[in-house]
Protein backbone atom coordinates (compact mmCIF):
# COMPACT_ATOMS: atom_id res chain seq x y z
CA MET A 1 3.31 -8.42 20.55
CA ARG A 2 4.60 -7.27 17.15
CA PRO A 3 3.49 -5.00 14.37
CA PRO A 4 1.22 -6.60 11.72
CA GLY A 5 2.84 -8.31 8.76
CA GLY A 6 2.87 -7.85 5.05
CA PHE A 7 2.58 -4.28 3.84
CA THR A 8 0.30 -3.17 6.68
CA THR A 9 2.85 -1.02 8.50
CA ASP A 10 3.92 0.62 5.23
CA MET A 11 0.28 1.53 4.67
CA PHE A 12 0.02 3.02 8.18
CA ASN A 13 3.05 5.20 7.32
CA TYR A 14 1.59 6.32 3.98
CA ALA A 15 -1.88 6.99 5.35
CA CYS A 16 -0.57 9.20 8.17
CA ASP A 17 2.83 10.46 6.92
CA ILE A 18 4.45 8.88 9.95
CA ASP A 19 7.25 6.37 10.64
CA ILE A 20 5.59 3.59 12.56
CA TYR A 21 8.90 1.66 12.63
CA ARG A 22 10.51 4.54 14.64
CA THR A 23 7.44 4.65 16.91
CA TRP A 24 7.67 0.91 17.53
CA ALA A 25 11.40 1.13 18.25
CA ARG A 26 10.92 3.96 20.77
CA LEU A 27 8.18 1.96 22.50
CA VAL A 28 10.35 -1.18 22.76
CA VAL A 29 13.66 0.53 23.68
CA LEU A 30 12.61 3.68 25.54
CA LYS A 31 9.12 2.61 26.80
CA GLU A 32 7.72 5.80 25.28
CA ALA A 33 4.07 5.82 24.31
CA GLY A 34 3.22 6.58 20.66
CA SER A 35 3.31 9.99 19.12
CA ARG A 36 0.40 12.08 17.90
CA TRP A 37 -0.77 11.45 14.35
CA GLU A 38 -3.83 11.80 12.18
CA ARG A 39 -4.86 9.89 9.07
CA LYS A 40 -4.48 12.22 6.07
CA TYR A 41 -5.15 9.67 3.35
CA HIS A 42 -6.95 6.48 2.60
CA CYS A 43 -4.38 3.88 1.56
CA CYS A 44 -4.98 0.75 -0.49
CA TYR A 45 -3.15 -2.31 -1.71
CA ALA A 46 -4.34 -3.68 -5.04
CA SER A 47 -2.55 -6.51 -6.81
CA ARG A 48 -2.53 -8.31 -10.11
CA LYS A 49 -1.68 -11.83 -11.15
CA SER A 50 0.40 -12.32 -14.25
CA ARG A 51 -1.84 -15.14 -15.55
CA TYR A 52 -4.76 -12.77 -16.11
CA PRO A 53 -5.22 -10.34 -19.01
CA TYR A 54 -5.76 -6.78 -17.86
CA ARG A 55 -7.10 -3.89 -19.92
CA ASN A 56 -4.47 -1.43 -18.64
CA SER A 57 -0.74 -2.16 -18.71
CA HIS A 58 1.60 -1.45 -15.82
CA ASP A 59 2.94 1.55 -17.79
CA GLN A 60 -0.59 2.90 -18.22
CA ILE A 61 -1.28 2.52 -14.48
CA MET A 62 1.91 4.44 -13.65
CA GLU A 63 1.24 7.11 -16.28
CA THR A 64 -2.29 7.66 -15.06
CA TYR A 65 -1.82 7.27 -11.25
CA GLY A 66 1.93 7.42 -10.69
CA ASP A 67 1.52 10.50 -8.46
CA ARG A 68 -0.68 8.40 -6.12
CA MET A 69 1.58 5.41 -6.05
CA MET A 70 3.60 5.05 -2.89
CA GLN A 71 5.09 1.62 -3.53
CA VAL A 72 5.03 -0.93 -6.33
CA GLU A 73 6.35 -4.33 -5.46
CA SER A 74 7.05 -7.57 -7.27
CA VAL A 75 5.85 -10.23 -4.81
CA PRO A 76 7.99 -13.34 -4.26
CA GLY A 77 6.47 -16.59 -5.52
CA VAL A 78 5.79 -18.05 -2.11
CA PHE A 79 3.49 -15.10 -1.24
CA SER A 80 2.05 -14.38 -4.69
CA SER A 81 -0.88 -16.78 -4.39
CA ALA A 82 -2.20 -14.53 -1.60
CA LEU A 83 -0.76 -11.15 -2.50
CA GLY A 84 -0.63 -11.28 -6.33
CA ASP A 85 2.44 -11.13 -8.54
CA ILE A 86 2.68 -7.37 -8.43
CA GLY A 87 1.25 -5.13 -5.69
CA TYR A 88 0.42 -1.43 -5.87
CA ILE A 89 0.16 0.65 -2.74
CA PHE A 90 -1.42 4.01 -3.36
CA ARG A 91 -3.16 6.75 -1.42
CA ALA A 92 -5.75 9.51 -1.87
CA PRO A 93 -7.67 11.82 0.46
CA ASP A 94 -11.01 10.36 -0.56
CA LEU A 95 -12.46 6.86 -1.02
CA ALA A 96 -13.94 7.58 -4.46
CA THR A 97 -10.39 8.12 -5.87
CA ILE A 98 -9.22 4.90 -4.18
CA ALA A 99 -12.12 3.00 -5.73
CA GLY A 100 -11.37 4.50 -9.20
CA ILE A 101 -7.70 3.56 -9.04
CA THR A 102 -8.53 0.04 -7.85
CA GLU A 103 -10.98 -0.39 -10.73
CA PHE A 104 -8.37 0.84 -13.24
CA ILE A 105 -5.75 -1.64 -11.93
CA HIS A 106 -8.19 -4.59 -11.88
CA ALA A 107 -10.01 -3.84 -15.18
CA HIS A 108 -10.16 -6.81 -17.57
């Protein structure tokens, strides 16, 4: 068994302010069960494809929601058909904020 792929483990970390990689290593090496944690934030991955025109530029996204952004990644070509050309991982304590950020990123 292994941790999930893509950015999923990063999103676990950001949602709970934990280090899931350390937890996994302690489980594998020391056979210790996981640590206590609680989800503090909702975390979301939203991506864009360069072939589409978007209303808001990358700079506008960062200016408006930079304090919520945890990670912004340029996605390698082989994965971009599934994950987009650029991916934004962001968090907020409530789903309404997550929905608003997602709409801002995807607006055409």
